[in-house]
Structure formats: C-alpha cells, structure tokens
Amino acid sequence: MVKIGLKQEDDEKRIIVEALLNSRATGLVMSLEFARKNKFKKKLKRSIYMRNIDSISNHKELIVHTVEVELFYKGHKERTEINIIGGQK
C-alpha cells in the first residue's frame, strides 16, 4: 500500500488515499462506491468487460465509468484515467 494524492481538473481539493500497488497491473481501478463518496465526475457511455491476467474476459466485473484525475506521488504528478468497477446488474 502506498499513499497517493488524487485531484480532478476543475476541483482544487486534493484527496490522499491508500492505494494497492501492483507492478504487473496494466491499468488503474477504483470502486463505484469510492467514486460516489468522493464526488468524482464519471464518464462512459457503456460498460466494458475487463480482462483477467490470463487475457480471459471477466464477466463478473465490468468497467462502468472512468474518471480523469491528476495523480500525485512523492513529487511526481501525472494526468491519468482511472476505471471504475462495481455497481452493475
């Protein structure tokens, strides 16, 4: 676990969260509950199936939205998109 900062472009408020770091991951995800609680502005027209590490589609979890944020970690700042999972069906 590492502490990172997240900030939306049109919001001056930065939140500090604990994030799980996985060096083999190919993307970033957050839960729908976390996104709602922290009032992230979500976007995505339709849900997308995720792929497991073995490239097989995961039909139990869907990417339901994405959010664009600035991510901060130890002096590094990067603009990125985070996929939101959960809340489907």
PDB file of N, CA and C in Angstrom:
ATOM      1  N   MET A   1       0.844  -1.178   0.000  1.00  0.00           N
ATOM      2  CA  MET A   1       0.000   0.000   0.000  1.00  0.00           C
ATOM      3  C   MET A   1       0.891   1.244   0.000  1.00  0.00           C
ATOM      4  N   VAL A   2       0.486   2.219  -0.807  1.00  0.00           N
ATOM      5  CA  VAL A   2       1.190   3.500  -0.867  1.00  0.00           C
ATOM      6  C   VAL A   2       0.156   4.617  -0.769  1.00  0.00           C
ATOM      7  N   LYS A   3       0.573   5.760  -0.244  1.00  0.00           N
ATOM      8  CA  LYS A   3      -0.317   6.925  -0.176  1.00  0.00           C
ATOM      9  C   LYS A   3      -0.098   7.762  -1.425  1.00  0.00           C
ATOM     10  N   ILE A   4      -1.227   8.069  -2.108  1.00  0.00           N
ATOM     11  CA  ILE A   4      -1.175   8.902  -3.310  1.00  0.00           C
ATOM     12  C   ILE A   4      -2.197  10.020  -3.170  1.00  0.00           C
ATOM     13  N   GLY A   5      -2.022  11.075  -3.940  1.00  0.00           N
ATOM     14  CA  GLY A   5      -2.994  12.157  -4.000  1.00  0.00           C
ATOM     15  C   GLY A   5      -3.749  12.093  -5.316  1.00  0.00           C
ATOM     16  N   LEU A   6      -5.027  12.427  -5.279  1.00  0.00           N
ATOM     17  CA  LEU A   6      -5.868  12.478  -6.475  1.00  0.00           C
ATOM     18  C   LEU A   6      -6.588  13.817  -6.516  1.00  0.00           C
ATOM     19  N   LYS A   7      -6.695  14.399  -7.714  1.00  0.00           N
ATOM     20  CA  LYS A   7      -7.381  15.680  -7.874  1.00  0.00           C
ATOM     21  C   LYS A   7      -8.018  15.721  -9.252  1.00  0.00           C
ATOM     22  N   GLN A   8      -9.272  16.180  -9.308  1.00  0.00           N
ATOM     23  CA  GLN A   8      -9.920  16.397 -10.599  1.00  0.00           C
ATOM     24  C   GLN A   8      -9.531  17.765 -11.138  1.00  0.00           C
ATOM     25  N   GLU A   9      -9.532  17.889 -12.451  1.00  0.00           N
ATOM     26  CA  GLU A   9      -9.058  19.105 -13.106  1.00  0.00           C
ATOM     27  C   GLU A   9      -9.767  20.369 -12.623  1.00  0.00           C
ATOM     28  N   ASP A  10     -11.072  20.330 -12.507  1.00  0.00           N
ATOM     29  CA  ASP A  10     -11.833  21.536 -12.165  1.00  0.00           C
ATOM     30  C   ASP A  10     -12.108  21.671 -10.669  1.00  0.00           C
ATOM     31  N   ASP A  11     -11.383  20.920  -9.861  1.00  0.00           N
ATOM     32  CA  ASP A  11     -11.582  20.945  -8.405  1.00  0.00           C
ATOM     33  C   ASP A  11     -10.230  21.190  -7.743  1.00  0.00           C
ATOM     34  N   GLU A  12     -10.161  22.157  -6.868  1.00  0.00           N
ATOM     35  CA  GLU A  12      -8.908  22.459  -6.179  1.00  0.00           C
ATOM     36  C   GLU A  12      -8.599  21.469  -5.054  1.00  0.00           C
ATOM     37  N   LYS A  13      -9.629  20.747  -4.608  1.00  0.00           N
ATOM     38  CA  LYS A  13      -9.456  19.821  -3.491  1.00  0.00           C
ATOM     39  C   LYS A  13      -8.691  18.580  -3.934  1.00  0.00           C
ATOM     40  N   ARG A  14      -7.647  18.259  -3.181  1.00  0.00           N
ATOM     41  CA  ARG A  14      -6.871  17.052  -3.417  1.00  0.00           C
ATOM     42  C   ARG A  14      -7.153  16.089  -2.271  1.00  0.00           C
ATOM     43  N   ILE A  15      -7.390  14.810  -2.588  1.00  0.00           N
ATOM     44  CA  ILE A  15      -7.589  13.833  -1.526  1.00  0.00           C
ATOM     45  C   ILE A  15      -6.386  12.901  -1.482  1.00  0.00           C
ATOM     46  N   ILE A  16      -6.055  12.448  -0.300  1.00  0.00           N
ATOM     47  CA  ILE A  16      -4.969  11.496  -0.094  1.00  0.00           C
ATOM     48  C   ILE A  16      -5.605  10.149   0.218  1.00  0.00           C
ATOM     49  N   VAL A  17      -5.185   9.120  -0.509  1.00  0.00           N
ATOM     50  CA  VAL A  17      -5.753   7.779  -0.333  1.00  0.00           C
ATOM     51  C   VAL A  17      -4.632   6.750  -0.276  1.00  0.00           C
ATOM     52  N   GLU A  18      -4.952   5.595   0.292  1.00  0.00           N
ATOM     53  CA  GLU A  18      -4.029   4.471   0.242  1.00  0.00           C
ATOM     54  C   GLU A  18      -4.382   3.638  -0.972  1.00  0.00           C
ATOM     55  N   ALA A  19      -3.389   3.304  -1.772  1.00  0.00           N
ATOM     56  CA  ALA A  19      -3.608   2.543  -2.999  1.00  0.00           C
ATOM     57  C   ALA A  19      -2.746   1.286  -2.981  1.00  0.00           C
ATOM     58  N   LEU A  20      -3.286   0.232  -3.545  1.00  0.00           N
ATOM     59  CA  LEU A  20      -2.557  -1.022  -3.681  1.00  0.00           C
ATOM     60  C   LEU A  20      -1.711  -0.925  -4.936  1.00  0.00           C
ATOM     61  N   LEU A  21      -0.424  -1.147  -4.803  1.00  0.00           N
ATOM     62  CA  LEU A  21       0.493  -1.071  -5.929  1.00  0.00           C
ATOM     63  C   LEU A  21       0.780  -2.476  -6.429  1.00  0.00           C
ATOM     64  N   ASN A  22       0.549  -2.710  -7.719  1.00  0.00           N
ATOM     65  CA  ASN A  22       0.817  -3.999  -8.343  1.00  0.00           C
ATOM     66  C   ASN A  22       1.622  -3.727  -9.599  1.00  0.00           C
ATOM     67  N   SER A  23       2.889  -4.108  -9.614  1.00  0.00           N
ATOM     68  CA  SER A  23       3.771  -3.779 -10.728  1.00  0.00           C
ATOM     69  C   SER A  23       3.397  -4.498 -12.019  1.00  0.00           C
ATOM     70  N   ARG A  24       2.544  -5.515 -11.956  1.00  0.00           N
ATOM     71  CA  ARG A  24       2.130  -6.231 -13.160  1.00  0.00           C
ATOM     72  C   ARG A  24       0.772  -5.760 -13.685  1.00  0.00           C
ATOM     73  N   ALA A  25       0.144  -4.824 -13.004  1.00  0.00           N
ATOM     74  CA  ALA A  25      -1.161  -4.326 -13.439  1.00  0.00           C
ATOM     75  C   ALA A  25      -1.011  -3.489 -14.706  1.00  0.00           C
ATOM     76  N   THR A  26      -2.034  -3.501 -15.539  1.00  0.00           N
ATOM     77  CA  THR A  26      -1.996  -2.733 -16.787  1.00  0.00           C
ATOM     78  C   THR A  26      -2.878  -1.491 -16.740  1.00  0.00           C
ATOM     79  N   GLY A  27      -3.550  -1.264 -15.606  1.00  0.00           N
ATOM     80  CA  GLY A  27      -4.416  -0.097 -15.503  1.00  0.00           C
ATOM     81  C   GLY A  27      -4.743   0.225 -14.063  1.00  0.00           C
ATOM     82  N   LEU A  28      -5.500   1.297 -13.885  1.00  0.00           N
ATOM     83  CA  LEU A  28      -5.907   1.754 -12.561  1.00  0.00           C
ATOM     84  C   LEU A  28      -7.406   1.572 -12.399  1.00  0.00           C
ATOM     85  N   VAL A  29      -7.848   1.151 -11.212  1.00  0.00           N
ATOM     86  CA  VAL A  29      -9.285   0.984 -10.948  1.00  0.00           C
ATOM     87  C   VAL A  29      -9.631   1.533  -9.576  1.00  0.00           C
ATOM     88  N   MET A  30     -10.884   1.962  -9.446  1.00  0.00           N
ATOM     89  CA  MET A  30     -11.440   2.342  -8.147  1.00  0.00           C
ATOM     90  C   MET A  30     -12.872   1.829  -8.106  1.00  0.00           C
ATOM     91  N   SER A  31     -13.410   1.696  -6.918  1.00  0.00           N
ATOM     92  CA  SER A  31     -14.784   1.213  -6.785  1.00  0.00           C
ATOM     93  C   SER A  31     -15.777   2.334  -7.059  1.00  0.00           C
ATOM     94  N   LEU A  32     -16.954   1.946  -7.519  1.00  0.00           N
ATOM     95  CA  LEU A  32     -18.028   2.914  -7.743  1.00  0.00           C
ATOM     96  C   LEU A  32     -18.395   3.608  -6.437  1.00  0.00           C
ATOM     97  N   GLU A  33     -18.419   2.857  -5.352  1.00  0.00           N
ATOM     98  CA  GLU A  33     -18.735   3.429  -4.035  1.00  0.00           C
ATOM     99  C   GLU A  33     -17.741   4.527  -3.661  1.00  0.00           C
ATOM    100  N   PHE A  34     -16.438   4.288  -3.874  1.00  0.00           N
ATOM    101  CA  PHE A  34     -15.407   5.284  -3.572  1.00  0.00           C
ATOM    102  C   PHE A  34     -15.586   6.528  -4.450  1.00  0.00           C
ATOM    103  N   ALA A  35     -15.869   6.319  -5.735  1.00  0.00           N
ATOM    104  CA  ALA A  35     -16.052   7.446  -6.662  1.00  0.00           C
ATOM    105  C   ALA A  35     -17.242   8.305  -6.249  1.00  0.00           C
ATOM    106  N   ARG A  36     -18.334   7.668  -5.862  1.00  0.00           N
ATOM    107  CA  ARG A  36     -19.520   8.419  -5.417  1.00  0.00           C
ATOM    108  C   ARG A  36     -19.241   9.177  -4.129  1.00  0.00           C
ATOM    109  N   LYS A  37     -18.620   8.488  -3.165  1.00  0.00           N
ATOM    110  CA  LYS A  37     -18.323   9.093  -1.864  1.00  0.00           C
ATOM    111  C   LYS A  37     -17.465  10.349  -2.022  1.00  0.00           C
ATOM    112  N   ASN A  38     -16.521  10.316  -2.952  1.00  0.00           N
ATOM    113  CA  ASN A  38     -15.606  11.438  -3.150  1.00  0.00           C
ATOM    114  C   ASN A  38     -16.019  12.355  -4.292  1.00  0.00           C
ATOM    115  N   LYS A  39     -17.243  12.162  -4.797  1.00  0.00           N
ATOM    116  CA  LYS A  39     -17.856  13.039  -5.801  1.00  0.00           C
ATOM    117  C   LYS A  39     -17.018  13.200  -7.075  1.00  0.00           C
ATOM    118  N   PHE A  40     -16.444  12.085  -7.553  1.00  0.00           N
ATOM    119  CA  PHE A  40     -15.728  12.120  -8.818  1.00  0.00           C
ATOM    120  C   PHE A  40     -16.727  12.232  -9.961  1.00  0.00           C
ATOM    121  N   LYS A  41     -16.417  13.043 -10.961  1.00  0.00           N
ATOM    122  CA  LYS A  41     -17.268  13.190 -12.135  1.00  0.00           C
ATOM    123  C   LYS A  41     -16.975  12.019 -13.074  1.00  0.00           C
ATOM    124  N   LYS A  42     -17.987  11.182 -13.265  1.00  0.00           N
ATOM    125  CA  LYS A  42     -17.811   9.949 -14.017  1.00  0.00           C
ATOM    126  C   LYS A  42     -18.220  10.136 -15.472  1.00  0.00           C
ATOM    127  N   LYS A  43     -17.595   9.341 -16.354  1.00  0.00           N
ATOM    128  CA  LYS A  43     -17.989   9.347 -17.753  1.00  0.00           C
ATOM    129  C   LYS A  43     -17.806   7.947 -18.333  1.00  0.00           C
ATOM    130  N   LEU A  44     -18.611   7.571 -19.254  1.00  0.00           N
ATOM    131  CA  LEU A  44     -18.529   6.340 -20.043  1.00  0.00           C
ATOM    132  C   LEU A  44     -19.926   6.076 -20.571  1.00  0.00           C
ATOM    133  N   LYS A  45     -20.033   5.818 -21.833  1.00  0.00           N
ATOM    134  CA  LYS A  45     -21.349   5.622 -22.431  1.00  0.00           C
ATOM    135  C   LYS A  45     -21.892   4.216 -22.218  1.00  0.00           C
ATOM    136  N   ARG A  46     -21.013   3.225 -22.167  1.00  0.00           N
ATOM    137  CA  ARG A  46     -21.474   1.860 -21.946  1.00  0.00           C
ATOM    138  C   ARG A  46     -20.421   1.096 -21.148  1.00  0.00           C
ATOM    139  N   SER A  47     -20.852   0.058 -20.479  1.00  0.00           N
ATOM    140  CA  SER A  47     -19.938  -0.741 -19.672  1.00  0.00           C
ATOM    141  C   SER A  47     -19.010  -1.559 -20.570  1.00  0.00           C
ATOM    142  N   ILE A  48     -17.821  -1.867 -20.044  1.00  0.00           N
ATOM    143  CA  ILE A  48     -16.811  -2.624 -20.773  1.00  0.00           C
ATOM    144  C   ILE A  48     -16.373  -3.794 -19.902  1.00  0.00           C
ATOM    145  N   TYR A  49     -16.268  -4.969 -20.493  1.00  0.00           N
ATOM    146  CA  TYR A  49     -15.749  -6.117 -19.753  1.00  0.00           C
ATOM    147  C   TYR A  49     -14.258  -5.961 -19.544  1.00  0.00           C
ATOM    148  N   MET A  50     -13.808  -6.342 -18.355  1.00  0.00           N
ATOM    149  CA  MET A  50     -12.377  -6.347 -18.047  1.00  0.00           C
ATOM    150  C   MET A  50     -11.788  -7.673 -18.494  1.00  0.00           C
ATOM    151  N   ARG A  51     -10.468  -7.713 -18.603  1.00  0.00           N
ATOM    152  CA  ARG A  51      -9.757  -8.957 -18.888  1.00  0.00           C
ATOM    153  C   ARG A  51      -8.911  -9.326 -17.675  1.00  0.00           C
ATOM    154  N   ASN A  52      -8.899 -10.605 -17.368  1.00  0.00           N
ATOM    155  CA  ASN A  52      -8.054 -11.110 -16.288  1.00  0.00           C
ATOM    156  C   ASN A  52      -6.607 -11.166 -16.767  1.00  0.00           C
ATOM    157  N   ILE A  53      -5.693 -11.470 -15.872  1.00  0.00           N
ATOM    158  CA  ILE A  53      -4.274 -11.523 -16.209  1.00  0.00           C
ATOM    159  C   ILE A  53      -3.983 -12.541 -17.310  1.00  0.00           C
ATOM    160  N   ASP A  54      -4.825 -13.577 -17.424  1.00  0.00           N
ATOM    161  CA  ASP A  54      -4.640 -14.600 -18.462  1.00  0.00           C
ATOM    162  C   ASP A  54      -5.362 -14.234 -19.770  1.00  0.00           C
ATOM    163  N   SER A  55      -5.808 -12.995 -19.900  1.00  0.00           N
ATOM    164  CA  SER A  55      -6.486 -12.436 -21.080  1.00  0.00           C
ATOM    165  C   SER A  55      -7.909 -12.936 -21.293  1.00  0.00           C
ATOM    166  N   ILE A  56      -8.453 -13.701 -20.362  1.00  0.00           N
ATOM    167  CA  ILE A  56      -9.837 -14.147 -20.470  1.00  0.00           C
ATOM    168  C   ILE A  56     -10.752 -13.041 -19.957  1.00  0.00           C
ATOM    169  N   SER A  57     -11.861 -12.790 -20.663  1.00  0.00           N
ATOM    170  CA  SER A  57     -12.817 -11.759 -20.228  1.00  0.00           C
ATOM    171  C   SER A  57     -13.387 -12.104 -18.859  1.00  0.00           C
ATOM    172  N   ASN A  58     -13.504 -11.104 -18.020  1.00  0.00           N
ATOM    173  CA  ASN A  58     -14.085 -11.262 -16.693  1.00  0.00           C
ATOM    174  C   ASN A  58     -15.528 -10.778 -16.778  1.00  0.00           C
ATOM    175  N   HIS A  59     -16.472 -11.699 -16.798  1.00  0.00           N
ATOM    176  CA  HIS A  59     -17.884 -11.339 -16.955  1.00  0.00           C
ATOM    177  C   HIS A  59     -18.554 -11.025 -15.624  1.00  0.00           C
ATOM    178  N   LYS A  60     -17.813 -11.068 -14.517  1.00  0.00           N
ATOM    179  CA  LYS A  60     -18.391 -10.736 -13.210  1.00  0.00           C
ATOM    180  C   LYS A  60     -18.165  -9.281 -12.839  1.00  0.00           C
ATOM    181  N   GLU A  61     -17.113  -8.680 -13.344  1.00  0.00           N
ATOM    182  CA  GLU A  61     -16.818  -7.273 -13.064  1.00  0.00           C
ATOM    183  C   GLU A  61     -16.786  -6.498 -14.372  1.00  0.00           C
ATOM    184  N   LEU A  62     -17.444  -5.379 -14.397  1.00  0.00           N
ATOM    185  CA  LEU A  62     -17.459  -4.501 -15.563  1.00  0.00           C
ATOM    186  C   LEU A  62     -16.835  -3.162 -15.206  1.00  0.00           C
ATOM    187  N   ILE A  63     -16.209  -2.543 -16.204  1.00  0.00           N
ATOM    188  CA  ILE A  63     -15.817  -1.144 -16.053  1.00  0.00           C
ATOM    189  C   ILE A  63     -17.086  -0.359 -16.356  1.00  0.00           C
ATOM    190  N   VAL A  64     -17.618   0.334 -15.349  1.00  0.00           N
ATOM    191  CA  VAL A  64     -18.898   1.016 -15.504  1.00  0.00           C
ATOM    192  C   VAL A  64     -18.748   2.506 -15.802  1.00  0.00           C
ATOM    193  N   HIS A  65     -17.610   3.098 -15.458  1.00  0.00           N
ATOM    194  CA  HIS A  65     -17.326   4.511 -15.715  1.00  0.00           C
ATOM    195  C   HIS A  65     -15.808   4.692 -15.706  1.00  0.00           C
ATOM    196  N   THR A  66     -15.368   5.873 -16.070  1.00  0.00           N
ATOM    197  CA  THR A  66     -13.976   6.275 -15.894  1.00  0.00           C
ATOM    198  C   THR A  66     -13.968   7.686 -15.305  1.00  0.00           C
ATOM    199  N   VAL A  67     -12.840   8.052 -14.685  1.00  0.00           N
ATOM    200  CA  VAL A  67     -12.648   9.422 -14.209  1.00  0.00           C
ATOM    201  C   VAL A  67     -11.267   9.884 -14.639  1.00  0.00           C
ATOM    202  N   GLU A  68     -11.148  11.156 -14.976  1.00  0.00           N
ATOM    203  CA  GLU A  68      -9.857  11.754 -15.296  1.00  0.00           C
ATOM    204  C   GLU A  68      -9.378  12.503 -14.065  1.00  0.00           C
ATOM    205  N   VAL A  69      -8.145  12.225 -13.657  1.00  0.00           N
ATOM    206  CA  VAL A  69      -7.588  12.842 -12.454  1.00  0.00           C
ATOM    207  C   VAL A  69      -6.126  13.203 -12.664  1.00  0.00           C
ATOM    208  N   GLU A  70      -5.623  14.039 -11.771  1.00  0.00           N
ATOM    209  CA  GLU A  70      -4.189  14.210 -11.610  1.00  0.00           C
ATOM    210  C   GLU A  70      -3.805  13.339 -10.433  1.00  0.00           C
ATOM    211  N   LEU A  71      -2.786  12.524 -10.611  1.00  0.00           N
ATOM    212  CA  LEU A  71      -2.302  11.622  -9.578  1.00  0.00           C
ATOM    213  C   LEU A  71      -0.964  12.157  -9.081  1.00  0.00           C
ATOM    214  N   PHE A  72      -0.785  12.223  -7.767  1.00  0.00           N
ATOM    215  CA  PHE A  72       0.440  12.738  -7.156  1.00  0.00           C
ATOM    216  C   PHE A  72       1.091  11.655  -6.307  1.00  0.00           C
ATOM    217  N   TYR A  73       2.402  11.487  -6.471  1.00  0.00           N
ATOM    218  CA  TYR A  73       3.129  10.531  -5.635  1.00  0.00           C
ATOM    219  C   TYR A  73       4.583  10.976  -5.507  1.00  0.00           C
ATOM    220  N   LYS A  74       4.984  11.304  -4.292  1.00  0.00           N
ATOM    221  CA  LYS A  74       6.382  11.669  -3.985  1.00  0.00           C
ATOM    222  C   LYS A  74       6.983  12.650  -4.992  1.00  0.00           C
ATOM    223  N   GLY A  75       6.300  13.763  -5.226  1.00  0.00           N
ATOM    224  CA  GLY A  75       6.813  14.790  -6.126  1.00  0.00           C
ATOM    225  C   GLY A  75       6.496  14.559  -7.593  1.00  0.00           C
ATOM    226  N   HIS A  76       6.007  13.396  -7.940  1.00  0.00           N
ATOM    227  CA  HIS A  76       5.628  13.089  -9.324  1.00  0.00           C
ATOM    228  C   HIS A  76       4.157  13.444  -9.517  1.00  0.00           C
ATOM    229  N   LYS A  77       3.825  14.071 -10.637  1.00  0.00           N
ATOM    230  CA  LYS A  77       2.440  14.421 -10.953  1.00  0.00           C
ATOM    231  C   LYS A  77       2.146  13.925 -12.356  1.00  0.00           C
ATOM    232  N   GLU A  78       0.984  13.295 -12.506  1.00  0.00           N
ATOM    233  CA  GLU A  78       0.621  12.730 -13.801  1.00  0.00           C
ATOM    234  C   GLU A  78      -0.880  12.801 -14.008  1.00  0.00           C
ATOM    235  N   ARG A  79      -1.282  13.156 -15.216  1.00  0.00           N
ATOM    236  CA  ARG A  79      -2.695  13.156 -15.590  1.00  0.00           C
ATOM    237  C   ARG A  79      -3.020  11.762 -16.107  1.00  0.00           C
ATOM    238  N   THR A  80      -4.083  11.153 -15.573  1.00  0.00           N
ATOM    239  CA  THR A  80      -4.404   9.782 -15.959  1.00  0.00           C
ATOM    240  C   THR A  80      -5.900   9.525 -15.875  1.00  0.00           C
ATOM    241  N   GLU A  81      -6.313   8.401 -16.380  1.00  0.00           N
ATOM    242  CA  GLU A  81      -7.711   7.981 -16.334  1.00  0.00           C
ATOM    243  C   GLU A  81      -7.800   6.734 -15.460  1.00  0.00           C
ATOM    244  N   ILE A  82      -8.791   6.704 -14.573  1.00  0.00           N
ATOM    245  CA  ILE A  82      -8.994   5.557 -13.689  1.00  0.00           C
ATOM    246  C   ILE A  82     -10.340   4.925 -14.030  1.00  0.00           C
ATOM    247  N   ASN A  83     -10.327   3.613 -14.212  1.00  0.00           N
ATOM    248  CA  ASN A  83     -11.564   2.875 -14.478  1.00  0.00           C
ATOM    249  C   ASN A  83     -12.311   2.633 -13.169  1.00  0.00           C
ATOM    250  N   ILE A  84     -13.635   2.712 -13.241  1.00  0.00           N
ATOM    251  CA  ILE A  84     -14.478   2.471 -12.064  1.00  0.00           C
ATOM    252  C   ILE A  84     -15.202   1.147 -12.267  1.00  0.00           C
ATOM    253  N   ILE A  85     -15.112   0.288 -11.251  1.00  0.00           N
ATOM    254  CA  ILE A  85     -15.769  -1.015 -11.335  1.00  0.00           C
ATOM    255  C   ILE A  85     -16.813  -1.142 -10.241  1.00  0.00           C
ATOM    256  N   GLY A  86     -17.789  -2.004 -10.481  1.00  0.00           N
ATOM    257  CA  GLY A  86     -18.816  -2.277  -9.483  1.00  0.00           C
ATOM    258  C   GLY A  86     -20.125  -1.593  -9.811  1.00  0.00           C
ATOM    259  N   GLY A  87     -21.177  -2.037  -9.154  1.00  0.00           N
ATOM    260  CA  GLY A  87     -22.472  -1.411  -9.291  1.00  0.00           C
ATOM    261  C   GLY A  87     -23.283  -1.873 -10.481  1.00  0.00           C
ATOM    262  N   GLN A  88     -22.758  -2.772 -11.273  1.00  0.00           N
ATOM    263  CA  GLN A  88     -23.521  -3.258 -12.433  1.00  0.00           C
ATOM    264  C   GLN A  88     -24.539  -4.300 -12.014  1.00  0.00           C
ATOM    265  N   LYS A  89     -25.472  -4.553 -12.898  1.00  0.00           N
ATOM    266  CA  LYS A  89     -26.550  -5.542 -12.735  1.00  0.00           C
ATOM    267  C   LYS A  89     -27.388  -5.214 -11.602  1.00  0.00           C
TER     268      LYS A  89
END
